[in-house]
Amino acid sequence: MALFSFLFGSEKNESVFLIDTHELKEAVTQHNVQLIDIRTPNEFSSGHIENAVNVDFFNQHNFKATFAKLDKKKPLYIYCRSGNRSSRAAKQLAGLGFEKIYDLKGGYMKWRNQ
């Protein structure tokens, strides 16, 4: 069973939580949070959530170096364009030891159209 989960990614990760735009809006307006936009710099410059920091998921060297400097015990909020990259990044970040990762369902497209 563990091999099946490893191969097909069906193993549930206890550190990753999928949240909607309302939940993210509440978190970023009421708390000082680690908010990371993992899209490319071009995507980020075309619009982003206020106070987000851009860390390009496709630049893995910089991605890992930047996240190594963040507080792994403090909740981490991430988003991408549609939710695909952030889902992959969330699993990677859980593997790096982050305890609570909140991934925006539908990404920036959903946020922009709320």
PDB file of N, CA and C in Angstrom:
ATOM      1  N   MET A   1       0.820  -1.199   0.000  1.00  0.00           N
ATOM      2  CA  MET A   1       0.000   0.000   0.000  1.00  0.00           C
ATOM      3  C   MET A   1       0.862   1.260   0.000  1.00  0.00           C
ATOM      4  N   ALA A   2       1.936   1.278   0.790  1.00  0.00           N
ATOM      5  CA  ALA A   2       2.809   2.451   0.840  1.00  0.00           C
ATOM      6  C   ALA A   2       3.459   2.699  -0.514  1.00  0.00           C
ATOM      7  N   LEU A   3       3.835   1.636  -1.223  1.00  0.00           N
ATOM      8  CA  LEU A   3       4.424   1.787  -2.540  1.00  0.00           C
ATOM      9  C   LEU A   3       3.404   2.389  -3.504  1.00  0.00           C
ATOM     10  N   PHE A   4       2.176   1.941  -3.443  1.00  0.00           N
ATOM     11  CA  PHE A   4       1.111   2.489  -4.287  1.00  0.00           C
ATOM     12  C   PHE A   4       0.940   3.980  -4.015  1.00  0.00           C
ATOM     13  N   SER A   5       0.910   4.374  -2.740  1.00  0.00           N
ATOM     14  CA  SER A   5       0.766   5.781  -2.365  1.00  0.00           C
ATOM     15  C   SER A   5       1.938   6.603  -2.872  1.00  0.00           C
ATOM     16  N   PHE A   6       3.127   6.041  -2.751  1.00  0.00           N
ATOM     17  CA  PHE A   6       4.316   6.747  -3.218  1.00  0.00           C
ATOM     18  C   PHE A   6       4.262   6.959  -4.729  1.00  0.00           C
ATOM     19  N   LEU A   7       3.899   5.923  -5.457  1.00  0.00           N
ATOM     20  CA  LEU A   7       3.879   6.000  -6.914  1.00  0.00           C
ATOM     21  C   LEU A   7       2.772   6.890  -7.452  1.00  0.00           C
ATOM     22  N   PHE A   8       1.615   6.847  -6.823  1.00  0.00           N
ATOM     23  CA  PHE A   8       0.463   7.549  -7.360  1.00  0.00           C
ATOM     24  C   PHE A   8       0.015   8.752  -6.545  1.00  0.00           C
ATOM     25  N   GLY A   9       0.711   9.061  -5.476  1.00  0.00           N
ATOM     26  CA  GLY A   9       0.444  10.280  -4.721  1.00  0.00           C
ATOM     27  C   GLY A   9      -0.865  10.302  -3.975  1.00  0.00           C
ATOM     28  N   SER A  10      -1.375   9.165  -3.590  1.00  0.00           N
ATOM     29  CA  SER A  10      -2.671   9.141  -2.913  1.00  0.00           C
ATOM     30  C   SER A  10      -2.549   9.272  -1.400  1.00  0.00           C
ATOM     31  N   GLU A  11      -1.336   9.312  -0.900  1.00  0.00           N
ATOM     32  CA  GLU A  11      -1.141   9.433   0.531  1.00  0.00           C
ATOM     33  C   GLU A  11      -1.520  10.839   0.994  1.00  0.00           C
ATOM     34  N   LYS A  12      -2.363  10.941   1.995  1.00  0.00           N
ATOM     35  CA  LYS A  12      -2.818  12.231   2.512  1.00  0.00           C
ATOM     36  C   LYS A  12      -1.697  12.877   3.325  1.00  0.00           C
ATOM     37  N   ASN A  13      -1.506  14.168   3.114  1.00  0.00           N
ATOM     38  CA  ASN A  13      -0.480  14.877   3.860  1.00  0.00           C
ATOM     39  C   ASN A  13      -1.143  15.659   4.988  1.00  0.00           C
ATOM     40  N   GLU A  14      -0.735  15.400   6.207  1.00  0.00           N
ATOM     41  CA  GLU A  14      -1.345  16.017   7.386  1.00  0.00           C
ATOM     42  C   GLU A  14      -0.979  17.487   7.561  1.00  0.00           C
ATOM     43  N   SER A  15      -0.005  17.988   6.804  1.00  0.00           N
ATOM     44  CA  SER A  15       0.461  19.371   6.945  1.00  0.00           C
ATOM     45  C   SER A  15      -0.193  20.325   5.958  1.00  0.00           C
ATOM     46  N   VAL A  16      -0.878  19.804   4.943  1.00  0.00           N
ATOM     47  CA  VAL A  16      -1.403  20.634   3.864  1.00  0.00           C
ATOM     48  C   VAL A  16      -2.919  20.766   3.975  1.00  0.00           C
ATOM     49  N   PHE A  17      -3.383  22.018   3.906  1.00  0.00           N
ATOM     50  CA  PHE A  17      -4.810  22.318   4.014  1.00  0.00           C
ATOM     51  C   PHE A  17      -5.229  23.159   2.817  1.00  0.00           C
ATOM     52  N   LEU A  18      -6.254  22.725   2.118  1.00  0.00           N
ATOM     53  CA  LEU A  18      -6.790  23.468   0.991  1.00  0.00           C
ATOM     54  C   LEU A  18      -7.796  24.479   1.533  1.00  0.00           C
ATOM     55  N   ILE A  19      -7.622  25.754   1.187  1.00  0.00           N
ATOM     56  CA  ILE A  19      -8.533  26.794   1.682  1.00  0.00           C
ATOM     57  C   ILE A  19      -9.137  27.562   0.515  1.00  0.00           C
ATOM     58  N   ASP A  20     -10.276  28.202   0.774  1.00  0.00           N
ATOM     59  CA  ASP A  20     -10.917  28.991  -0.269  1.00  0.00           C
ATOM     60  C   ASP A  20     -10.522  30.469  -0.132  1.00  0.00           C
ATOM     61  N   THR A  21     -10.981  31.285  -1.054  1.00  0.00           N
ATOM     62  CA  THR A  21     -10.596  32.696  -1.068  1.00  0.00           C
ATOM     63  C   THR A  21     -11.053  33.424   0.192  1.00  0.00           C
ATOM     64  N   HIS A  22     -12.214  33.083   0.699  1.00  0.00           N
ATOM     65  CA  HIS A  22     -12.724  33.724   1.916  1.00  0.00           C
ATOM     66  C   HIS A  22     -11.786  33.452   3.102  1.00  0.00           C
ATOM     67  N   GLU A  23     -11.373  32.204   3.255  1.00  0.00           N
ATOM     68  CA  GLU A  23     -10.480  31.839   4.354  1.00  0.00           C
ATOM     69  C   GLU A  23      -9.124  32.538   4.228  1.00  0.00           C
ATOM     70  N   LEU A  24      -8.612  32.634   3.004  1.00  0.00           N
ATOM     71  CA  LEU A  24      -7.332  33.312   2.805  1.00  0.00           C
ATOM     72  C   LEU A  24      -7.463  34.801   3.097  1.00  0.00           C
ATOM     73  N   LYS A  25      -8.534  35.402   2.633  1.00  0.00           N
ATOM     74  CA  LYS A  25      -8.753  36.833   2.866  1.00  0.00           C
ATOM     75  C   LYS A  25      -8.802  37.128   4.363  1.00  0.00           C
ATOM     76  N   GLU A  26      -9.485  36.282   5.095  1.00  0.00           N
ATOM     77  CA  GLU A  26      -9.580  36.448   6.553  1.00  0.00           C
ATOM     78  C   GLU A  26      -8.192  36.322   7.196  1.00  0.00           C
ATOM     79  N   ALA A  27      -7.414  35.362   6.767  1.00  0.00           N
ATOM     80  CA  ALA A  27      -6.079  35.141   7.338  1.00  0.00           C
ATOM     81  C   ALA A  27      -5.142  36.304   7.049  1.00  0.00           C
ATOM     82  N   VAL A  28      -5.134  36.783   5.810  1.00  0.00           N
ATOM     83  CA  VAL A  28      -4.178  37.835   5.459  1.00  0.00           C
ATOM     84  C   VAL A  28      -4.573  39.206   5.986  1.00  0.00           C
ATOM     85  N   THR A  29      -5.846  39.422   6.285  1.00  0.00           N
ATOM     86  CA  THR A  29      -6.253  40.722   6.821  1.00  0.00           C
ATOM     87  C   THR A  29      -6.165  40.778   8.346  1.00  0.00           C
ATOM     88  N   GLN A  30      -6.214  39.633   8.993  1.00  0.00           N
ATOM     89  CA  GLN A  30      -6.203  39.620  10.457  1.00  0.00           C
ATOM     90  C   GLN A  30      -4.876  39.223  11.068  1.00  0.00           C
ATOM     91  N   HIS A  31      -3.951  38.709  10.274  1.00  0.00           N
ATOM     92  CA  HIS A  31      -2.705  38.198  10.830  1.00  0.00           C
ATOM     93  C   HIS A  31      -1.516  38.612   9.968  1.00  0.00           C
ATOM     94  N   ASN A  32      -0.356  38.603  10.582  1.00  0.00           N
ATOM     95  CA  ASN A  32       0.888  38.788   9.846  1.00  0.00           C
ATOM     96  C   ASN A  32       1.319  37.392   9.404  1.00  0.00           C
ATOM     97  N   VAL A  33       1.083  37.077   8.135  1.00  0.00           N
ATOM     98  CA  VAL A  33       1.313  35.712   7.658  1.00  0.00           C
ATOM     99  C   VAL A  33       2.437  35.645   6.629  1.00  0.00           C
ATOM    100  N   GLN A  34       2.956  34.444   6.449  1.00  0.00           N
ATOM    101  CA  GLN A  34       3.910  34.156   5.383  1.00  0.00           C
ATOM    102  C   GLN A  34       3.078  33.836   4.145  1.00  0.00           C
ATOM    103  N   LEU A  35       2.928  34.811   3.255  1.00  0.00           N
ATOM    104  CA  LEU A  35       2.106  34.664   2.053  1.00  0.00           C
ATOM    105  C   LEU A  35       3.022  34.628   0.838  1.00  0.00           C
ATOM    106  N   ILE A  36       3.028  33.498   0.138  1.00  0.00           N
ATOM    107  CA  ILE A  36       3.955  33.285  -0.967  1.00  0.00           C
ATOM    108  C   ILE A  36       3.208  32.997  -2.262  1.00  0.00           C
ATOM    109  N   ASP A  37       3.527  33.779  -3.281  1.00  0.00           N
ATOM    110  CA  ASP A  37       3.022  33.586  -4.642  1.00  0.00           C
ATOM    111  C   ASP A  37       4.104  32.809  -5.377  1.00  0.00           C
ATOM    112  N   ILE A  38       3.803  31.593  -5.800  1.00  0.00           N
ATOM    113  CA  ILE A  38       4.842  30.755  -6.406  1.00  0.00           C
ATOM    114  C   ILE A  38       4.826  30.804  -7.933  1.00  0.00           C
ATOM    115  N   ARG A  39       4.145  31.786  -8.502  1.00  0.00           N
ATOM    116  CA  ARG A  39       4.124  31.941  -9.952  1.00  0.00           C
ATOM    117  C   ARG A  39       5.440  32.559 -10.446  1.00  0.00           C
ATOM    118  N   THR A  40       5.573  32.660 -11.747  1.00  0.00           N
ATOM    119  CA  THR A  40       6.766  33.271 -12.334  1.00  0.00           C
ATOM    120  C   THR A  40       6.752  34.782 -12.058  1.00  0.00           C
ATOM    121  N   PRO A  41       7.907  35.436 -12.144  1.00  0.00           N
ATOM    122  CA  PRO A  41       7.943  36.893 -11.961  1.00  0.00           C
ATOM    123  C   PRO A  41       7.022  37.642 -12.931  1.00  0.00           C
ATOM    124  N   ASN A  42       6.903  37.168 -14.177  1.00  0.00           N
ATOM    125  CA  ASN A  42       5.991  37.819 -15.129  1.00  0.00           C
ATOM    126  C   ASN A  42       4.544  37.717 -14.671  1.00  0.00           C
ATOM    127  N   GLU A  43       4.144  36.541 -14.204  1.00  0.00           N
ATOM    128  CA  GLU A  43       2.779  36.368 -13.706  1.00  0.00           C
ATOM    129  C   GLU A  43       2.548  37.274 -12.496  1.00  0.00           C
ATOM    130  N   PHE A  44       3.526  37.300 -11.599  1.00  0.00           N
ATOM    131  CA  PHE A  44       3.430  38.112 -10.384  1.00  0.00           C
ATOM    132  C   PHE A  44       3.274  39.597 -10.725  1.00  0.00           C
ATOM    133  N   SER A  45       4.057  40.070 -11.698  1.00  0.00           N
ATOM    134  CA  SER A  45       4.009  41.495 -12.046  1.00  0.00           C
ATOM    135  C   SER A  45       2.694  41.894 -12.714  1.00  0.00           C
ATOM    136  N   SER A  46       1.957  40.919 -13.239  1.00  0.00           N
ATOM    137  CA  SER A  46       0.671  41.235 -13.859  1.00  0.00           C
ATOM    138  C   SER A  46      -0.454  41.329 -12.830  1.00  0.00           C
ATOM    139  N   GLY A  47      -0.153  41.055 -11.573  1.00  0.00           N
ATOM    140  CA  GLY A  47      -1.137  41.156 -10.490  1.00  0.00           C
ATOM    141  C   GLY A  47      -0.892  40.082  -9.453  1.00  0.00           C
ATOM    142  N   HIS A  48      -1.076  40.453  -8.190  1.00  0.00           N
ATOM    143  CA  HIS A  48      -0.856  39.506  -7.092  1.00  0.00           C
ATOM    144  C   HIS A  48      -1.631  39.952  -5.852  1.00  0.00           C
ATOM    145  N   ILE A  49      -1.707  39.083  -4.875  1.00  0.00           N
ATOM    146  CA  ILE A  49      -2.373  39.400  -3.619  1.00  0.00           C
ATOM    147  C   ILE A  49      -1.457  40.320  -2.816  1.00  0.00           C
ATOM    148  N   GLU A  50      -2.039  41.345  -2.244  1.00  0.00           N
ATOM    149  CA  GLU A  50      -1.271  42.335  -1.479  1.00  0.00           C
ATOM    150  C   GLU A  50      -0.416  41.667  -0.395  1.00  0.00           C
ATOM    151  N   ASN A  51       0.816  42.108  -0.286  1.00  0.00           N
ATOM    152  CA  ASN A  51       1.815  41.635   0.692  1.00  0.00           C
ATOM    153  C   ASN A  51       2.378  40.251   0.399  1.00  0.00           C
ATOM    154  N   ALA A  52       2.055  39.692  -0.759  1.00  0.00           N
ATOM    155  CA  ALA A  52       2.634  38.393  -1.125  1.00  0.00           C
ATOM    156  C   ALA A  52       4.076  38.586  -1.570  1.00  0.00           C
ATOM    157  N   VAL A  53       4.876  37.562  -1.317  1.00  0.00           N
ATOM    158  CA  VAL A  53       6.265  37.529  -1.759  1.00  0.00           C
ATOM    159  C   VAL A  53       6.334  36.534  -2.915  1.00  0.00           C
ATOM    160  N   ASN A  54       7.028  36.915  -3.979  1.00  0.00           N
ATOM    161  CA  ASN A  54       7.124  36.046  -5.149  1.00  0.00           C
ATOM    162  C   ASN A  54       8.335  35.126  -5.041  1.00  0.00           C
ATOM    163  N   VAL A  55       8.074  33.806  -5.103  1.00  0.00           N
ATOM    164  CA  VAL A  55       9.123  32.790  -5.127  1.00  0.00           C
ATOM    165  C   VAL A  55       8.739  31.814  -6.235  1.00  0.00           C
ATOM    166  N   ASP A  56       9.416  31.904  -7.369  1.00  0.00           N
ATOM    167  CA  ASP A  56       9.091  31.131  -8.559  1.00  0.00           C
ATOM    168  C   ASP A  56       9.321  29.631  -8.331  1.00  0.00           C
ATOM    169  N   PHE A  57       8.257  28.845  -8.423  1.00  0.00           N
ATOM    170  CA  PHE A  57       8.332  27.398  -8.238  1.00  0.00           C
ATOM    171  C   PHE A  57       9.257  26.739  -9.259  1.00  0.00           C
ATOM    172  N   PHE A  58       9.309  27.293 -10.470  1.00  0.00           N
ATOM    173  CA  PHE A  58      10.122  26.694 -11.528  1.00  0.00           C
ATOM    174  C   PHE A  58      11.622  26.931 -11.342  1.00  0.00           C
ATOM    175  N   ASN A  59      11.997  27.884 -10.508  1.00  0.00           N
ATOM    176  CA  ASN A  59      13.408  28.120 -10.192  1.00  0.00           C
ATOM    177  C   ASN A  59      13.691  27.381  -8.881  1.00  0.00           C
ATOM    178  N   GLN A  60      13.880  26.069  -8.967  1.00  0.00           N
ATOM    179  CA  GLN A  60      13.975  25.222  -7.773  1.00  0.00           C
ATOM    180  C   GLN A  60      15.138  25.578  -6.850  1.00  0.00           C
ATOM    181  N   HIS A  61      16.256  26.027  -7.384  1.00  0.00           N
ATOM    182  CA  HIS A  61      17.383  26.401  -6.522  1.00  0.00           C
ATOM    183  C   HIS A  61      16.978  27.562  -5.607  1.00  0.00           C
ATOM    184  N   ASN A  62      16.425  28.608  -6.193  1.00  0.00           N
ATOM    185  CA  ASN A  62      15.975  29.768  -5.417  1.00  0.00           C
ATOM    186  C   ASN A  62      14.791  29.402  -4.519  1.00  0.00           C
ATOM    187  N   PHE A  63      13.897  28.570  -5.038  1.00  0.00           N
ATOM    188  CA  PHE A  63      12.719  28.134  -4.288  1.00  0.00           C
ATOM    189  C   PHE A  63      13.148  27.491  -2.969  1.00  0.00           C
ATOM    190  N   LYS A  64      14.039  26.507  -3.048  1.00  0.00           N
ATOM    191  CA  LYS A  64      14.497  25.805  -1.847  1.00  0.00           C
ATOM    192  C   LYS A  64      15.287  26.719  -0.928  1.00  0.00           C
ATOM    193  N   ALA A  65      16.125  27.580  -1.492  1.00  0.00           N
ATOM    194  CA  ALA A  65      16.937  28.495  -0.683  1.00  0.00           C
ATOM    195  C   ALA A  65      16.059  29.494   0.076  1.00  0.00           C
ATOM    196  N   THR A  66      15.039  30.006  -0.590  1.00  0.00           N
ATOM    197  CA  THR A  66      14.139  30.975   0.054  1.00  0.00           C
ATOM    198  C   THR A  66      13.340  30.319   1.168  1.00  0.00           C
ATOM    199  N   PHE A  67      12.776  29.153   0.905  1.00  0.00           N
ATOM    200  CA  PHE A  67      11.963  28.491   1.921  1.00  0.00           C
ATOM    201  C   PHE A  67      12.802  27.983   3.093  1.00  0.00           C
ATOM    202  N   ALA A  68      14.077  27.755   2.877  1.00  0.00           N
ATOM    203  CA  ALA A  68      14.962  27.338   3.975  1.00  0.00           C
ATOM    204  C   ALA A  68      15.101  28.444   5.012  1.00  0.00           C
ATOM    205  N   LYS A  69      14.862  29.693   4.610  1.00  0.00           N
ATOM    206  CA  LYS A  69      14.994  30.842   5.510  1.00  0.00           C
ATOM    207  C   LYS A  69      13.703  31.161   6.275  1.00  0.00           C
ATOM    208  N   LEU A  70      12.588  30.560   5.871  1.00  0.00           N
ATOM    209  CA  LEU A  70      11.300  30.862   6.507  1.00  0.00           C
ATOM    210  C   LEU A  70      11.071  30.009   7.746  1.00  0.00           C
ATOM    211  N   ASP A  71      10.183  30.488   8.605  1.00  0.00           N
ATOM    212  CA  ASP A  71       9.837  29.799   9.850  1.00  0.00           C
ATOM    213  C   ASP A  71       8.930  28.608   9.536  1.00  0.00           C
ATOM    214  N   LYS A  72       9.424  27.408   9.775  1.00  0.00           N
ATOM    215  CA  LYS A  72       8.674  26.187   9.461  1.00  0.00           C
ATOM    216  C   LYS A  72       7.514  25.939  10.431  1.00  0.00           C
ATOM    217  N   LYS A  73       7.552  26.574  11.592  1.00  0.00           N
ATOM    218  CA  LYS A  73       6.488  26.400  12.575  1.00  0.00           C
ATOM    219  C   LYS A  73       5.334  27.389  12.360  1.00  0.00           C
ATOM    220  N   LYS A  74       5.601  28.478  11.655  1.00  0.00           N
ATOM    221  CA  LYS A  74       4.580  29.489  11.389  1.00  0.00           C
ATOM    222  C   LYS A  74       3.773  29.073  10.154  1.00  0.00           C
ATOM    223  N   PRO A  75       2.455  29.224  10.185  1.00  0.00           N
ATOM    224  CA  PRO A  75       1.638  28.849   9.024  1.00  0.00           C
ATOM    225  C   PRO A  75       2.129  29.533   7.744  1.00  0.00           C
ATOM    226  N   LEU A  76       2.074  28.783   6.664  1.00  0.00           N
ATOM    227  CA  LEU A  76       2.544  29.243   5.364  1.00  0.00           C
ATOM    228  C   LEU A  76       1.367  29.208   4.397  1.00  0.00           C
ATOM    229  N   TYR A  77       1.119  30.326   3.731  1.00  0.00           N
ATOM    230  CA  TYR A  77       0.022  30.437   2.766  1.00  0.00           C
ATOM    231  C   TYR A  77       0.635  30.569   1.381  1.00  0.00           C
ATOM    232  N   ILE A  78       0.227  29.680   0.473  1.00  0.00           N
ATOM    233  CA  ILE A  78       0.781  29.705  -0.875  1.00  0.00           C
ATOM    234  C   ILE A  78      -0.338  29.699  -1.913  1.00  0.00           C
ATOM    235  N   TYR A  79       0.011  30.239  -3.079  1.00  0.00           N
ATOM    236  CA  TYR A  79      -0.917  30.169  -4.205  1.00  0.00           C
ATOM    237  C   TYR A  79      -0.134  30.288  -5.509  1.00  0.00           C
ATOM    238  N   CYS A  80      -0.767  29.826  -6.566  1.00  0.00           N
ATOM    239  CA  CYS A  80      -0.210  29.936  -7.920  1.00  0.00           C
ATOM    240  C   CYS A  80      -1.314  30.491  -8.815  1.00  0.00           C
ATOM    241  N   ARG A  81      -1.272  30.188 -10.081  1.00  0.00           N
ATOM    242  CA  ARG A  81      -2.278  30.691 -11.012  1.00  0.00           C
ATOM    243  C   ARG A  81      -3.628  30.005 -10.816  1.00  0.00           C
ATOM    244  N   SER A  82      -3.618  28.652 -10.794  1.00  0.00           N
ATOM    245  CA  SER A  82      -4.886  27.928 -10.745  1.00  0.00           C
ATOM    246  C   SER A  82      -4.979  26.878  -9.637  1.00  0.00           C
ATOM    247  N   GLY A  83      -3.879  26.604  -8.960  1.00  0.00           N
ATOM    248  CA  GLY A  83      -3.871  25.618  -7.887  1.00  0.00           C
ATOM    249  C   GLY A  83      -3.032  24.389  -8.175  1.00  0.00           C
ATOM    250  N   ASN A  84      -2.618  24.188  -9.416  1.00  0.00           N
ATOM    251  CA  ASN A  84      -1.842  23.003  -9.777  1.00  0.00           C
ATOM    252  C   ASN A  84      -0.421  23.067  -9.208  1.00  0.00           C
ATOM    253  N   ARG A  85       0.300  24.143  -9.507  1.00  0.00           N
ATOM    254  CA  ARG A  85       1.670  24.276  -9.005  1.00  0.00           C
ATOM    255  C   ARG A  85       1.709  24.334  -7.485  1.00  0.00           C
ATOM    256  N   SER A  86       0.759  25.060  -6.897  1.00  0.00           N
ATOM    257  CA  SER A  86       0.784  25.192  -5.440  1.00  0.00           C
ATOM    258  C   SER A  86       0.509  23.859  -4.755  1.00  0.00           C
ATOM    259  N   SER A  87      -0.283  23.001  -5.392  1.00  0.00           N
ATOM    260  CA  SER A  87      -0.511  21.664  -4.843  1.00  0.00           C
ATOM    261  C   SER A  87       0.794  20.875  -4.818  1.00  0.00           C
ATOM    262  N   ARG A  88       1.534  20.942  -5.909  1.00  0.00           N
ATOM    263  CA  ARG A  88       2.830  20.252  -5.974  1.00  0.00           C
ATOM    264  C   ARG A  88       3.828  20.877  -4.992  1.00  0.00           C
ATOM    265  N   ALA A  89       3.823  22.196  -4.916  1.00  0.00           N
ATOM    266  CA  ALA A  89       4.742  22.888  -4.009  1.00  0.00           C
ATOM    267  C   ALA A  89       4.421  22.567  -2.550  1.00  0.00           C
ATOM    268  N   ALA A  90       3.129  22.476  -2.223  1.00  0.00           N
ATOM    269  CA  ALA A  90       2.724  22.182  -0.845  1.00  0.00           C
ATOM    270  C   ALA A  90       3.289  20.842  -0.388  1.00  0.00           C
ATOM    271  N   LYS A  91       3.220  19.846  -1.253  1.00  0.00           N
ATOM    272  CA  LYS A  91       3.775  18.530  -0.912  1.00  0.00           C
ATOM    273  C   LYS A  91       5.285  18.625  -0.699  1.00  0.00           C
ATOM    274  N   GLN A  92       5.938  19.384  -1.548  1.00  0.00           N
ATOM    275  CA  GLN A  92       7.386  19.559  -1.427  1.00  0.00           C
ATOM    276  C   GLN A  92       7.724  20.280  -0.122  1.00  0.00           C
ATOM    277  N   LEU A  93       6.966  21.313   0.210  1.00  0.00           N
ATOM    278  CA  LEU A  93       7.222  22.083   1.425  1.00  0.00           C
ATOM    279  C   LEU A  93       6.946  21.266   2.687  1.00  0.00           C
ATOM    280  N   ALA A  94       5.959  20.409   2.629  1.00  0.00           N
ATOM    281  CA  ALA A  94       5.701  19.513   3.761  1.00  0.00           C
ATOM    282  C   ALA A  94       6.911  18.610   3.967  1.00  0.00           C
ATOM    283  N   GLY A  95       7.493  18.156   2.873  1.00  0.00           N
ATOM    284  CA  GLY A  95       8.695  17.328   2.950  1.00  0.00           C
ATOM    285  C   GLY A  95       9.897  18.073   3.502  1.00  0.00           C
ATOM    286  N   LEU A  96       9.884  19.398   3.369  1.00  0.00           N
ATOM    287  CA  LEU A  96      10.964  20.223   3.906  1.00  0.00           C
ATOM    288  C   LEU A  96      10.752  20.560   5.383  1.00  0.00           C
ATOM    289  N   GLY A  97       9.610  20.127   5.934  1.00  0.00           N
ATOM    290  CA  GLY A  97       9.378  20.303   7.365  1.00  0.00           C
ATOM    291  C   GLY A  97       8.398  21.392   7.772  1.00  0.00           C
ATOM    292  N   PHE A  98       7.720  22.031   6.824  1.00  0.00           N
ATOM    293  CA  PHE A  98       6.725  23.033   7.203  1.00  0.00           C
ATOM    294  C   PHE A  98       5.532  22.328   7.841  1.00  0.00           C
ATOM    295  N   GLU A  99       5.081  22.859   8.969  1.00  0.00           N
ATOM    296  CA  GLU A  99       4.054  22.177   9.754  1.00  0.00           C
ATOM    297  C   GLU A  99       2.631  22.446   9.281  1.00  0.00           C
ATOM    298  N   LYS A 100       2.353  23.680   8.809  1.00  0.00           N
ATOM    299  CA  LYS A 100       1.007  24.022   8.344  1.00  0.00           C
ATOM    300  C   LYS A 100       1.128  24.825   7.059  1.00  0.00           C
ATOM    301  N   ILE A 101       0.641  24.227   5.987  1.00  0.00           N
ATOM    302  CA  ILE A 101       0.690  24.850   4.674  1.00  0.00           C
ATOM    303  C   ILE A 101      -0.742  25.011   4.185  1.00  0.00           C
ATOM    304  N   TYR A 102      -1.125  26.246   3.898  1.00  0.00           N
ATOM    305  CA  TYR A 102      -2.460  26.536   3.407  1.00  0.00           C
ATOM    306  C   TYR A 102      -2.361  26.883   1.928  1.00  0.00           C
ATOM    307  N   ASP A 103      -3.000  26.067   1.105  1.00  0.00           N
ATOM    308  CA  ASP A 103      -2.944  26.177  -0.347  1.00  0.00           C
ATOM    309  C   ASP A 103      -4.277  26.732  -0.845  1.00  0.00           C
ATOM    310  N   LEU A 104      -4.229  27.848  -1.588  1.00  0.00           N
ATOM    311  CA  LEU A 104      -5.444  28.499  -2.081  1.00  0.00           C
ATOM    312  C   LEU A 104      -6.072  27.697  -3.220  1.00  0.00           C
ATOM    313  N   LYS A 105      -7.254  27.182  -2.980  1.00  0.00           N
ATOM    314  CA  LYS A 105      -8.000  26.415  -3.988  1.00  0.00           C
ATOM    315  C   LYS A 105      -8.374  27.343  -5.148  1.00  0.00           C
ATOM    316  N   GLY A 106      -7.982  26.952  -6.353  1.00  0.00           N
ATOM    317  CA  GLY A 106      -8.296  27.753  -7.537  1.00  0.00           C
ATOM    318  C   GLY A 106      -7.282  28.841  -7.826  1.00  0.00           C
ATOM    319  N   GLY A 107      -6.331  29.038  -6.934  1.00  0.00           N
ATOM    320  CA  GLY A 107      -5.240  29.984  -7.141  1.00  0.00           C
ATOM    321  C   GLY A 107      -5.652  31.433  -7.336  1.00  0.00           C
ATOM    322  N   TYR A 108      -4.733  32.177  -7.948  1.00  0.00           N
ATOM    323  CA  TYR A 108      -4.949  33.614  -8.145  1.00  0.00           C
ATOM    324  C   TYR A 108      -6.140  33.886  -9.064  1.00  0.00           C
ATOM    325  N   MET A 109      -6.405  32.996 -10.013  1.00  0.00           N
ATOM    326  CA  MET A 109      -7.567  33.185 -10.902  1.00  0.00           C
ATOM    327  C   MET A 109      -8.852  33.237 -10.075  1.00  0.00           C
ATOM    328  N   LYS A 110      -8.973  32.366  -9.117  1.00  0.00           N
ATOM    329  CA  LYS A 110     -10.169  32.339  -8.253  1.00  0.00           C
ATOM    330  C   LYS A 110     -10.206  33.592  -7.379  1.00  0.00           C
ATOM    331  N   TRP A 111      -9.063  33.992  -6.835  1.00  0.00           N
ATOM    332  CA  TRP A 111      -8.955  35.180  -5.991  1.00  0.00           C
ATOM    333  C   TRP A 111      -9.381  36.421  -6.767  1.00  0.00           C
ATOM    334  N   ARG A 112      -8.870  36.561  -7.961  1.00  0.00           N
ATOM    335  CA  ARG A 112      -9.148  37.747  -8.789  1.00  0.00           C
ATOM    336  C   ARG A 112     -10.620  37.831  -9.160  1.00  0.00           C
ATOM    337  N   ASN A 113     -11.288  36.683  -9.312  1.00  0.00           N
ATOM    338  CA  ASN A 113     -12.686  36.652  -9.739  1.00  0.00           C
ATOM    339  C   ASN A 113     -13.689  36.537  -8.591  1.00  0.00           C
ATOM    340  N   GLN A 114     -13.220  36.736  -7.376  1.00  0.00           N
ATOM    341  CA  GLN A 114     -14.128  36.601  -6.235  1.00  0.00           C
ATOM    342  C   GLN A 114     -15.105  37.750  -6.143  1.00  0.00           C
TER     343      GLN A 114
END
